[in-house]
C-alpha atoms as a PDB file:
ATOM      1  CA  UNK A   1      13.960 -52.285  48.521  1.00  0.00           C
ATOM      2  CA  UNK A   2      16.673 -54.075  50.475  1.00  0.00           C
ATOM      3  CA  UNK A   3      18.303 -55.444  47.342  1.00  0.00           C
ATOM      4  CA  UNK A   4      18.144 -51.999  45.774  1.00  0.00           C
ATOM      5  CA  UNK A   5      19.912 -50.450  48.751  1.00  0.00           C
ATOM      6  CA  UNK A   6      22.559 -53.164  48.583  1.00  0.00           C
ATOM      7  CA  UNK A   7      22.902 -52.649  44.823  1.00  0.00           C
ATOM      8  CA  UNK A   8      23.653 -48.965  45.349  1.00  0.00           C
ATOM      9  CA  UNK A   9      26.815 -49.908  47.235  1.00  0.00           C
ATOM     10  CA  UNK A  10      28.381 -51.938  44.430  1.00  0.00           C
ATOM     11  CA  UNK A  11      31.028 -50.315  42.283  1.00  0.00           C
ATOM     12  CA  UNK A  12      30.120 -51.156  38.694  1.00  0.00           C
ATOM     13  CA  UNK A  13      26.940 -51.187  36.607  1.00  0.00           C
ATOM     14  CA  UNK A  14      27.121 -54.865  35.745  1.00  0.00           C
ATOM     15  CA  UNK A  15      27.107 -55.886  39.409  1.00  0.00           C
ATOM     16  CA  UNK A  16      24.325 -53.366  40.121  1.00  0.00           C
ATOM     17  CA  UNK A  17      22.170 -54.981  37.458  1.00  0.00           C
ATOM     18  CA  UNK A  18      22.953 -58.487  38.714  1.00  0.00           C
ATOM     19  CA  UNK A  19      21.970 -57.562  42.277  1.00  0.00           C
ATOM     20  CA  UNK A  20      18.756 -55.853  41.137  1.00  0.00           C
ATOM     21  CA  UNK A  21      17.689 -58.755  38.922  1.00  0.00           C
ATOM     22  CA  UNK A  22      18.765 -61.260  41.547  1.00  0.00           C
ATOM     23  CA  UNK A  23      16.432 -59.588  44.036  1.00  0.00           C
ATOM     24  CA  UNK A  24      13.589 -59.824  41.552  1.00  0.00           C
ATOM     25  CA  UNK A  25      14.391 -63.473  40.887  1.00  0.00           C
ATOM     26  CA  UNK A  26      14.546 -64.164  44.610  1.00  0.00           C
ATOM     27  CA  UNK A  27      11.094 -62.678  45.151  1.00  0.00           C
ATOM     28  CA  UNK A  28       9.730 -64.735  42.282  1.00  0.00           C
ATOM     29  CA  UNK A  29      11.174 -67.954  43.750  1.00  0.00           C
ATOM     30  CA  UNK A  30       9.691 -67.150  47.158  1.00  0.00           C
ATOM     31  CA  UNK A  31       6.327 -66.428  45.538  1.00  0.00           C
ATOM     32  CA  UNK A  32       6.477 -69.687  43.567  1.00  0.00           C
ATOM     33  CA  UNK A  33       7.223 -71.696  46.706  1.00  0.00           C
ATOM     34  CA  UNK A  34       4.371 -69.935  48.505  1.00  0.00           C
ATOM     35  CA  UNK A  35       1.959 -70.673  45.665  1.00  0.00           C
ATOM     36  CA  UNK A  36       3.060 -74.306  45.501  1.00  0.00           C
ATOM     37  CA  UNK A  37       2.601 -74.746  49.256  1.00  0.00           C
ATOM     38  CA  UNK A  38      -0.727 -72.950  49.189  1.00  0.00           C
ATOM     39  CA  UNK A  39      -2.045 -75.102  46.376  1.00  0.00           C
ATOM     40  CA  UNK A  40      -0.698 -78.303  47.911  1.00  0.00           C
ATOM     41  CA  UNK A  41      -1.954 -77.867  51.462  1.00  0.00           C
ATOM     42  CA  UNK A  42      -4.854 -75.403  51.446  1.00  0.00           C
ATOM     43  CA  UNK A  43      -8.306 -76.027  50.008  1.00  0.00           C
ATOM     44  CA  UNK A  44      -8.360 -73.002  47.698  1.00  0.00           C
ATOM     45  CA  UNK A  45      -9.688 -72.326  44.221  1.00  0.00           C
ATOM     46  CA  UNK A  46      -6.520 -72.608  42.126  1.00  0.00           C
ATOM     47  CA  UNK A  47      -7.370 -69.973  39.525  1.00  0.00           C
ATOM     48  CA  UNK A  48      -8.402 -67.357  42.067  1.00  0.00           C
ATOM     49  CA  UNK A  49      -5.375 -68.058  44.248  1.00  0.00           C
ATOM     50  CA  UNK A  50      -2.883 -67.792  41.389  1.00  0.00           C
ATOM     51  CA  UNK A  51      -4.568 -64.655  40.018  1.00  0.00           C
ATOM     52  CA  UNK A  52      -4.442 -63.017  43.445  1.00  0.00           C
ATOM     53  CA  UNK A  53      -0.747 -63.817  43.856  1.00  0.00           C
ATOM     54  CA  UNK A  54       0.040 -62.430  40.386  1.00  0.00           C
ATOM     55  CA  UNK A  55      -1.902 -59.231  41.058  1.00  0.00           C
ATOM     56  CA  UNK A  56      -0.100 -58.755  44.373  1.00  0.00           C
ATOM     57  CA  UNK A  57       3.298 -59.321  42.713  1.00  0.00           C
ATOM     58  CA  UNK A  58       2.526 -56.776  40.006  1.00  0.00           C
ATOM     59  CA  UNK A  59       1.281 -54.247  42.552  1.00  0.00           C
ATOM     60  CA  UNK A  60       4.326 -54.676  44.777  1.00  0.00           C
ATOM     61  CA  UNK A  61       6.734 -54.266  41.848  1.00  0.00           C
ATOM     62  CA  UNK A  62       4.816 -51.171  40.711  1.00  0.00           C
ATOM     63  CA  UNK A  63       5.019 -49.619  44.172  1.00  0.00           C
ATOM     64  CA  UNK A  64       8.729 -50.413  44.382  1.00  0.00           C
ATOM     65  CA  UNK A  65       9.438 -48.924  40.947  1.00  0.00           C
ATOM     66  CA  UNK A  66       7.369 -45.839  41.761  1.00  0.00           C
ATOM     67  CA  UNK A  67       9.235 -45.349  45.040  1.00  0.00           C
ATOM     68  CA  UNK A  68      12.622 -45.619  43.332  1.00  0.00           C
ATOM     69  CA  UNK A  69      11.576 -43.211  40.564  1.00  0.00           C
ATOM     70  CA  UNK A  70      10.264 -40.661  43.076  1.00  0.00           C
ATOM     71  CA  UNK A  71      13.479 -40.853  45.089  1.00  0.00           C
ATOM     72  CA  UNK A  72      15.565 -40.487  41.941  1.00  0.00           C
ATOM     73  CA  UNK A  73      13.557 -37.428  40.869  1.00  0.00           C
ATOM     74  CA  UNK A  74      13.856 -35.902  44.337  1.00  0.00           C
ATOM     75  CA  UNK A  75      17.572 -36.649  44.475  1.00  0.00           C
ATOM     76  CA  UNK A  76      17.263 -38.638  47.701  1.00  0.00           C
ATOM     77  CA  UNK A  77      18.291 -41.986  46.240  1.00  0.00           C
ATOM     78  CA  UNK A  78      21.864 -42.161  47.459  1.00  0.00           C
ATOM     79  CA  UNK A  79      24.417 -44.641  48.686  1.00  0.00           C
END
């Protein structure tokens, strides 16, 4: 949500899209590093660990998209 709020303050659509996708890419990099560290240093079942991380990523993106859509529909998504 922080990148979305920042993206609302940019002036053109191209920059808005770059900030939004950059935030998504940043979260994916952080998740990848977390998975790599978890698999390298913790005695976990790899398949279950990776599946759990993927499910949590999908759920968090769904909640974020739902929140943005609700705010857009309510007209409360402003600069």
